[in-house]
Amino acid sequence: WSSMGVTEADGDPLRPNGQASLLLPMGRNGPAFLAFANFDAIRQWNESTVYATTAAYLATRFAGAKPLYAGNAPVQKLSIPQVRQLQSQLAARGLPVGKIDGIIGEDTRNAVRQVQQQLGLPADGYPDQALLSKL
């Protein structure tokens, strides 16, 4: 990640901590996390991304990590009916979204990433009003 210019939120260089994936739970404008093996271990116990992110963040804070950086801009959130509409439109395009229930799970997030790529949008997996309007 360092070789691609990724730094701590305050600009400090990343500490070498091993292999990690980038987690953007609120899209590219929200907070960003590097998820290491401990994150995967937490998700094996509880598959909720929110739970795993919270538990991993709390553990890093106990270990002395800096406070959370909230991101660059206000993050737009879709309502439950809007998420249902999004899921229906993604499913109509042949993308697997799981149950059409207004809840953004892993299947919906993966489908959002796919359609964002198809539409030339940043593929962060976070659905917003702009994506919904383009569908």
N, C-alpha and C. Protein backbone atom coordinates (compact mmCIF):
# COMPACT_ATOMS: atom_id res chain seq x y z
N TRP A 1 0.82 -1.19 0.00
CA TRP A 1 0.00 0.00 0.00
C TRP A 1 0.87 1.25 0.00
N SER A 2 1.96 1.21 0.73
CA SER A 2 2.86 2.37 0.78
C SER A 2 3.39 2.70 -0.61
N SER A 3 3.69 1.68 -1.40
CA SER A 3 4.23 1.91 -2.75
C SER A 3 3.21 2.58 -3.66
N MET A 4 1.93 2.52 -3.29
CA MET A 4 0.88 3.16 -4.08
C MET A 4 0.50 4.52 -3.51
N GLY A 5 1.27 4.98 -2.51
CA GLY A 5 1.02 6.31 -1.97
C GLY A 5 0.06 6.36 -0.80
N VAL A 6 -0.36 5.21 -0.29
CA VAL A 6 -1.28 5.19 0.85
C VAL A 6 -0.50 5.54 2.11
N THR A 7 -1.05 6.47 2.89
CA THR A 7 -0.43 6.90 4.15
C THR A 7 -1.47 6.86 5.26
N GLU A 8 -1.02 7.12 6.46
CA GLU A 8 -1.96 7.34 7.57
C GLU A 8 -2.77 8.59 7.24
N ALA A 9 -3.91 8.78 7.89
CA ALA A 9 -4.77 9.93 7.62
C ALA A 9 -4.03 11.26 7.82
N ASP A 10 -3.08 11.28 8.74
CA ASP A 10 -2.34 12.52 9.01
C ASP A 10 -1.11 12.67 8.11
N GLY A 11 -0.92 11.75 7.16
CA GLY A 11 0.20 11.83 6.24
C GLY A 11 1.41 11.03 6.66
N ASP A 12 1.41 10.51 7.89
CA ASP A 12 2.53 9.67 8.33
C ASP A 12 2.60 8.41 7.48
N PRO A 13 3.80 7.88 7.26
CA PRO A 13 3.91 6.63 6.49
C PRO A 13 3.28 5.46 7.24
N LEU A 14 2.80 4.50 6.48
CA LEU A 14 2.24 3.29 7.08
C LEU A 14 3.35 2.47 7.72
N ARG A 15 3.01 1.81 8.82
CA ARG A 15 3.95 0.87 9.43
C ARG A 15 3.81 -0.46 8.70
N PRO A 16 4.91 -1.15 8.44
CA PRO A 16 4.79 -2.45 7.76
C PRO A 16 4.17 -3.48 8.71
N ASN A 17 2.96 -3.88 8.40
CA ASN A 17 2.22 -4.82 9.26
C ASN A 17 1.81 -6.08 8.52
N GLY A 18 2.35 -6.32 7.34
CA GLY A 18 1.96 -7.52 6.61
C GLY A 18 0.93 -7.22 5.55
N GLN A 19 0.38 -8.28 4.98
CA GLN A 19 -0.57 -8.18 3.89
C GLN A 19 -1.92 -7.66 4.41
N ALA A 20 -2.53 -6.75 3.64
CA ALA A 20 -3.80 -6.15 4.05
C ALA A 20 -4.66 -5.84 2.84
N SER A 21 -5.95 -5.73 3.07
CA SER A 21 -6.87 -5.27 2.03
C SER A 21 -7.47 -3.94 2.48
N LEU A 22 -7.88 -3.14 1.51
CA LEU A 22 -8.44 -1.83 1.80
C LEU A 22 -9.93 -1.96 2.05
N LEU A 23 -10.40 -1.42 3.15
CA LEU A 23 -11.81 -1.48 3.53
C LEU A 23 -12.36 -0.06 3.54
N LEU A 24 -13.39 0.18 2.73
CA LEU A 24 -14.06 1.48 2.64
C LEU A 24 -15.53 1.30 2.99
N PRO A 25 -15.87 1.13 4.27
CA PRO A 25 -17.25 0.80 4.62
C PRO A 25 -18.26 1.89 4.28
N MET A 26 -17.81 3.14 4.12
CA MET A 26 -18.71 4.23 3.78
C MET A 26 -18.32 4.87 2.45
N GLY A 27 -17.66 4.09 1.60
CA GLY A 27 -17.27 4.59 0.29
C GLY A 27 -16.00 5.40 0.33
N ARG A 28 -15.63 5.93 -0.82
CA ARG A 28 -14.34 6.60 -0.96
C ARG A 28 -14.24 7.90 -0.18
N ASN A 29 -15.35 8.49 0.23
CA ASN A 29 -15.31 9.74 0.99
C ASN A 29 -15.38 9.54 2.50
N GLY A 30 -15.58 8.31 2.93
CA GLY A 30 -15.65 8.02 4.36
C GLY A 30 -14.31 7.55 4.88
N PRO A 31 -14.29 7.05 6.10
CA PRO A 31 -13.04 6.55 6.66
C PRO A 31 -12.55 5.32 5.91
N ALA A 32 -11.24 5.15 5.87
CA ALA A 32 -10.62 4.00 5.20
C ALA A 32 -9.81 3.21 6.22
N PHE A 33 -9.83 1.90 6.07
CA PHE A 33 -9.11 1.02 6.99
C PHE A 33 -8.31 0.01 6.18
N LEU A 34 -7.18 -0.40 6.71
CA LEU A 34 -6.47 -1.55 6.17
C LEU A 34 -6.86 -2.74 7.02
N ALA A 35 -7.39 -3.76 6.39
CA ALA A 35 -7.86 -4.95 7.10
C ALA A 35 -6.79 -6.04 7.00
N PHE A 36 -6.32 -6.48 8.16
CA PHE A 36 -5.28 -7.51 8.24
C PHE A 36 -5.91 -8.85 8.61
N ALA A 37 -5.10 -9.84 8.86
CA ALA A 37 -5.58 -11.20 9.17
C ALA A 37 -6.52 -11.21 10.37
N ASN A 38 -6.29 -10.33 11.35
CA ASN A 38 -7.17 -10.31 12.52
C ASN A 38 -8.61 -9.93 12.13
N PHE A 39 -8.76 -9.11 11.10
CA PHE A 39 -10.09 -8.73 10.64
C PHE A 39 -10.82 -9.96 10.09
N ASP A 40 -10.11 -10.76 9.32
CA ASP A 40 -10.70 -12.00 8.78
C ASP A 40 -11.07 -12.96 9.91
N ALA A 41 -10.24 -13.02 10.94
CA ALA A 41 -10.54 -13.89 12.08
C ALA A 41 -11.81 -13.43 12.79
N ILE A 42 -11.98 -12.13 12.95
CA ILE A 42 -13.19 -11.60 13.58
C ILE A 42 -14.41 -11.94 12.73
N ARG A 43 -14.28 -11.80 11.40
CA ARG A 43 -15.41 -12.08 10.50
C ARG A 43 -15.79 -13.55 10.47
N GLN A 44 -14.85 -14.43 10.80
CA GLN A 44 -15.20 -15.85 10.89
C GLN A 44 -16.12 -16.08 12.08
N TRP A 45 -15.95 -15.28 13.11
CA TRP A 45 -16.79 -15.40 14.30
C TRP A 45 -18.12 -14.69 14.10
N ASN A 46 -18.09 -13.51 13.46
CA ASN A 46 -19.30 -12.73 13.20
C ASN A 46 -19.12 -12.08 11.83
N GLU A 47 -19.95 -12.45 10.86
CA GLU A 47 -19.78 -12.02 9.47
C GLU A 47 -20.11 -10.55 9.22
N SER A 48 -20.67 -9.86 10.17
CA SER A 48 -21.03 -8.47 9.98
C SER A 48 -19.79 -7.60 9.80
N THR A 49 -19.74 -6.87 8.69
CA THR A 49 -18.62 -5.96 8.45
C THR A 49 -18.60 -4.86 9.50
N VAL A 50 -19.77 -4.37 9.89
CA VAL A 50 -19.84 -3.33 10.91
C VAL A 50 -19.27 -3.84 12.23
N TYR A 51 -19.67 -5.04 12.63
CA TYR A 51 -19.17 -5.62 13.88
C TYR A 51 -17.65 -5.80 13.81
N ALA A 52 -17.17 -6.41 12.73
CA ALA A 52 -15.74 -6.69 12.61
C ALA A 52 -14.92 -5.41 12.58
N THR A 53 -15.42 -4.40 11.87
CA THR A 53 -14.71 -3.12 11.80
C THR A 53 -14.65 -2.47 13.18
N THR A 54 -15.78 -2.49 13.89
CA THR A 54 -15.83 -1.90 15.23
C THR A 54 -14.89 -2.62 16.18
N ALA A 55 -14.93 -3.95 16.18
CA ALA A 55 -14.08 -4.73 17.08
C ALA A 55 -12.60 -4.51 16.76
N ALA A 56 -12.25 -4.53 15.48
CA ALA A 56 -10.84 -4.34 15.10
C ALA A 56 -10.37 -2.93 15.43
N TYR A 57 -11.22 -1.94 15.19
CA TYR A 57 -10.85 -0.55 15.50
C TYR A 57 -10.66 -0.37 17.00
N LEU A 58 -11.58 -0.93 17.78
CA LEU A 58 -11.46 -0.83 19.23
C LEU A 58 -10.16 -1.47 19.71
N ALA A 59 -9.81 -2.61 19.14
CA ALA A 59 -8.56 -3.28 19.52
C ALA A 59 -7.35 -2.41 19.19
N THR A 60 -7.37 -1.75 18.04
CA THR A 60 -6.23 -0.89 17.69
C THR A 60 -6.14 0.32 18.60
N ARG A 61 -7.28 0.84 19.01
CA ARG A 61 -7.28 1.98 19.95
C ARG A 61 -6.72 1.56 21.30
N PHE A 62 -7.10 0.37 21.78
CA PHE A 62 -6.53 -0.13 23.04
C PHE A 62 -5.02 -0.27 22.93
N ALA A 63 -4.55 -0.59 21.71
CA ALA A 63 -3.11 -0.77 21.49
C ALA A 63 -2.39 0.56 21.25
N GLY A 64 -3.13 1.67 21.29
CA GLY A 64 -2.50 2.99 21.16
C GLY A 64 -2.63 3.65 19.81
N ALA A 65 -3.47 3.14 18.93
CA ALA A 65 -3.64 3.76 17.61
C ALA A 65 -4.28 5.15 17.74
N LYS A 66 -4.08 5.94 16.69
CA LYS A 66 -4.65 7.29 16.65
C LYS A 66 -6.17 7.20 16.49
N PRO A 67 -6.90 8.26 16.88
CA PRO A 67 -8.36 8.27 16.70
C PRO A 67 -8.75 8.20 15.22
N LEU A 68 -9.97 7.78 15.00
CA LEU A 68 -10.53 7.63 13.65
C LEU A 68 -10.58 8.97 12.93
N TYR A 69 -10.21 8.97 11.67
CA TYR A 69 -10.38 10.11 10.78
C TYR A 69 -11.67 9.87 10.02
N ALA A 70 -12.62 10.77 10.13
CA ALA A 70 -13.97 10.53 9.60
C ALA A 70 -14.07 10.54 8.08
N GLY A 71 -13.11 11.09 7.39
CA GLY A 71 -13.18 11.12 5.94
C GLY A 71 -13.20 12.54 5.42
N ASN A 72 -13.44 12.67 4.13
CA ASN A 72 -13.31 13.97 3.47
C ASN A 72 -14.60 14.74 3.28
N ALA A 73 -15.71 14.08 3.28
CA ALA A 73 -16.96 14.76 2.94
C ALA A 73 -18.13 14.08 3.64
N PRO A 74 -19.25 14.78 3.75
CA PRO A 74 -20.43 14.10 4.29
C PRO A 74 -20.80 12.92 3.40
N VAL A 75 -21.08 11.80 4.01
CA VAL A 75 -21.41 10.59 3.27
C VAL A 75 -22.93 10.49 3.13
N GLN A 76 -23.39 10.35 1.90
CA GLN A 76 -24.83 10.21 1.64
C GLN A 76 -25.25 8.78 1.92
N LYS A 77 -26.35 8.64 2.59
CA LYS A 77 -26.87 7.32 2.90
C LYS A 77 -28.21 7.13 2.20
N LEU A 78 -28.40 5.96 1.60
CA LEU A 78 -29.69 5.65 0.99
C LEU A 78 -30.64 5.13 2.06
N SER A 79 -31.92 5.42 1.89
CA SER A 79 -32.94 4.90 2.80
C SER A 79 -33.18 3.42 2.49
N ILE A 80 -33.87 2.73 3.37
CA ILE A 80 -34.19 1.31 3.14
C ILE A 80 -34.98 1.13 1.85
N PRO A 81 -36.03 1.94 1.59
CA PRO A 81 -36.74 1.79 0.31
C PRO A 81 -35.82 2.05 -0.90
N GLN A 82 -34.90 2.99 -0.77
CA GLN A 82 -33.98 3.26 -1.88
C GLN A 82 -33.03 2.08 -2.09
N VAL A 83 -32.59 1.45 -1.00
CA VAL A 83 -31.72 0.27 -1.14
C VAL A 83 -32.49 -0.87 -1.79
N ARG A 84 -33.76 -1.05 -1.43
CA ARG A 84 -34.59 -2.08 -2.09
C ARG A 84 -34.68 -1.81 -3.59
N GLN A 85 -34.91 -0.54 -3.94
CA GLN A 85 -34.98 -0.15 -5.35
C GLN A 85 -33.65 -0.46 -6.04
N LEU A 86 -32.56 -0.10 -5.40
CA LEU A 86 -31.23 -0.38 -5.94
C LEU A 86 -31.03 -1.88 -6.14
N GLN A 87 -31.38 -2.67 -5.13
CA GLN A 87 -31.23 -4.12 -5.23
C GLN A 87 -32.06 -4.68 -6.38
N SER A 88 -33.28 -4.19 -6.53
CA SER A 88 -34.14 -4.65 -7.63
C SER A 88 -33.52 -4.31 -8.99
N GLN A 89 -32.98 -3.11 -9.11
CA GLN A 89 -32.38 -2.70 -10.38
C GLN A 89 -31.10 -3.48 -10.67
N LEU A 90 -30.32 -3.76 -9.64
CA LEU A 90 -29.12 -4.57 -9.84
C LEU A 90 -29.49 -6.00 -10.23
N ALA A 91 -30.50 -6.55 -9.57
CA ALA A 91 -30.96 -7.91 -9.89
C ALA A 91 -31.49 -7.97 -11.32
N ALA A 92 -32.18 -6.92 -11.76
CA ALA A 92 -32.70 -6.87 -13.13
C ALA A 92 -31.57 -6.87 -14.15
N ARG A 93 -30.40 -6.42 -13.75
CA ARG A 93 -29.21 -6.44 -14.62
C ARG A 93 -28.49 -7.79 -14.55
N GLY A 94 -29.06 -8.71 -13.77
CA GLY A 94 -28.47 -10.05 -13.66
C GLY A 94 -27.39 -10.18 -12.60
N LEU A 95 -27.28 -9.19 -11.72
CA LEU A 95 -26.26 -9.23 -10.68
C LEU A 95 -26.84 -9.84 -9.40
N PRO A 96 -26.13 -10.75 -8.77
CA PRO A 96 -26.63 -11.34 -7.52
C PRO A 96 -26.54 -10.33 -6.38
N VAL A 97 -27.67 -10.09 -5.73
CA VAL A 97 -27.72 -9.13 -4.62
C VAL A 97 -28.14 -9.78 -3.30
N GLY A 98 -28.40 -11.08 -3.33
CA GLY A 98 -28.96 -11.72 -2.14
C GLY A 98 -30.44 -11.38 -2.07
N LYS A 99 -30.96 -11.34 -0.87
CA LYS A 99 -32.37 -11.03 -0.66
C LYS A 99 -32.62 -9.54 -0.88
N ILE A 100 -33.70 -9.21 -1.58
CA ILE A 100 -34.07 -7.80 -1.78
C ILE A 100 -34.82 -7.36 -0.53
N ASP A 101 -34.06 -6.79 0.40
CA ASP A 101 -34.60 -6.49 1.73
C ASP A 101 -34.24 -5.10 2.24
N GLY A 102 -33.53 -4.31 1.43
CA GLY A 102 -33.15 -2.97 1.87
C GLY A 102 -31.92 -2.94 2.76
N ILE A 103 -31.26 -4.09 2.91
CA ILE A 103 -30.05 -4.18 3.73
C ILE A 103 -28.87 -4.42 2.80
N ILE A 104 -27.83 -3.63 2.97
CA ILE A 104 -26.65 -3.76 2.11
C ILE A 104 -25.72 -4.80 2.70
N GLY A 105 -25.79 -6.01 2.14
CA GLY A 105 -24.90 -7.09 2.54
C GLY A 105 -23.76 -7.24 1.55
N GLU A 106 -22.98 -8.28 1.72
CA GLU A 106 -21.82 -8.50 0.85
C GLU A 106 -22.22 -8.68 -0.61
N ASP A 107 -23.31 -9.42 -0.88
CA ASP A 107 -23.73 -9.62 -2.27
C ASP A 107 -24.12 -8.30 -2.92
N THR A 108 -24.88 -7.49 -2.21
CA THR A 108 -25.28 -6.18 -2.75
C THR A 108 -24.05 -5.31 -2.97
N ARG A 109 -23.13 -5.30 -2.01
CA ARG A 109 -21.93 -4.47 -2.13
C ARG A 109 -21.08 -4.91 -3.34
N ASN A 110 -20.96 -6.22 -3.54
CA ASN A 110 -20.21 -6.73 -4.70
C ASN A 110 -20.90 -6.34 -6.01
N ALA A 111 -22.23 -6.42 -6.04
CA ALA A 111 -22.98 -6.03 -7.23
C ALA A 111 -22.82 -4.53 -7.49
N VAL A 112 -22.83 -3.74 -6.44
CA VAL A 112 -22.63 -2.29 -6.58
C VAL A 112 -21.26 -2.02 -7.20
N ARG A 113 -20.23 -2.69 -6.71
CA ARG A 113 -18.88 -2.51 -7.28
C ARG A 113 -18.86 -2.84 -8.77
N GLN A 114 -19.51 -3.95 -9.13
CA GLN A 114 -19.54 -4.35 -10.54
C GLN A 114 -20.22 -3.29 -11.41
N VAL A 115 -21.37 -2.80 -10.97
CA VAL A 115 -22.09 -1.83 -11.79
C VAL A 115 -21.38 -0.48 -11.78
N GLN A 116 -20.72 -0.13 -10.68
CA GLN A 116 -19.94 1.10 -10.67
C GLN A 116 -18.84 1.03 -11.72
N GLN A 117 -18.17 -0.12 -11.81
CA GLN A 117 -17.13 -0.30 -12.83
C GLN A 117 -17.73 -0.19 -14.23
N GLN A 118 -18.87 -0.83 -14.44
CA GLN A 118 -19.52 -0.79 -15.76
C GLN A 118 -19.89 0.63 -16.16
N LEU A 119 -20.28 1.45 -15.18
CA LEU A 119 -20.71 2.82 -15.45
C LEU A 119 -19.56 3.83 -15.40
N GLY A 120 -18.35 3.35 -15.16
CA GLY A 120 -17.20 4.25 -15.11
C GLY A 120 -17.12 5.09 -13.85
N LEU A 121 -17.76 4.62 -12.78
CA LEU A 121 -17.73 5.33 -11.49
C LEU A 121 -16.65 4.72 -10.60
N PRO A 122 -16.18 5.46 -9.61
CA PRO A 122 -15.24 4.85 -8.66
C PRO A 122 -15.89 3.63 -8.00
N ALA A 123 -15.24 2.50 -8.10
CA ALA A 123 -15.82 1.23 -7.63
C ALA A 123 -15.48 0.99 -6.17
N ASP A 124 -16.14 1.75 -5.29
CA ASP A 124 -15.88 1.60 -3.85
C ASP A 124 -16.92 0.72 -3.16
N GLY A 125 -17.94 0.29 -3.90
CA GLY A 125 -18.95 -0.59 -3.31
C GLY A 125 -19.96 0.10 -2.43
N TYR A 126 -19.91 1.43 -2.38
CA TYR A 126 -20.84 2.18 -1.52
C TYR A 126 -21.89 2.84 -2.41
N PRO A 127 -23.13 2.41 -2.31
CA PRO A 127 -24.17 2.98 -3.16
C PRO A 127 -24.61 4.35 -2.65
N ASP A 128 -24.80 5.26 -3.59
CA ASP A 128 -25.29 6.59 -3.22
C ASP A 128 -26.37 7.02 -4.22
N GLN A 129 -26.88 8.22 -4.02
CA GLN A 129 -27.95 8.73 -4.87
C GLN A 129 -27.49 8.84 -6.33
N ALA A 130 -26.24 9.21 -6.56
CA ALA A 130 -25.73 9.34 -7.93
C ALA A 130 -25.80 8.00 -8.66
N LEU A 131 -25.43 6.93 -7.99
CA LEU A 131 -25.51 5.60 -8.60
C LEU A 131 -26.96 5.23 -8.87
N LEU A 132 -27.81 5.44 -7.89
CA LEU A 132 -29.23 5.10 -8.05
C LEU A 132 -29.82 5.85 -9.24
N SER A 133 -29.46 7.11 -9.41
CA SER A 133 -29.97 7.92 -10.53
C SER A 133 -29.50 7.38 -11.87
N LYS A 134 -28.27 6.85 -11.93
CA LYS A 134 -27.73 6.33 -13.19
C LYS A 134 -28.35 5.00 -13.59
N LEU A 135 -28.92 4.29 -12.61
CA LEU A 135 -29.54 3.00 -12.93
C LEU A 135 -30.93 3.23 -13.50
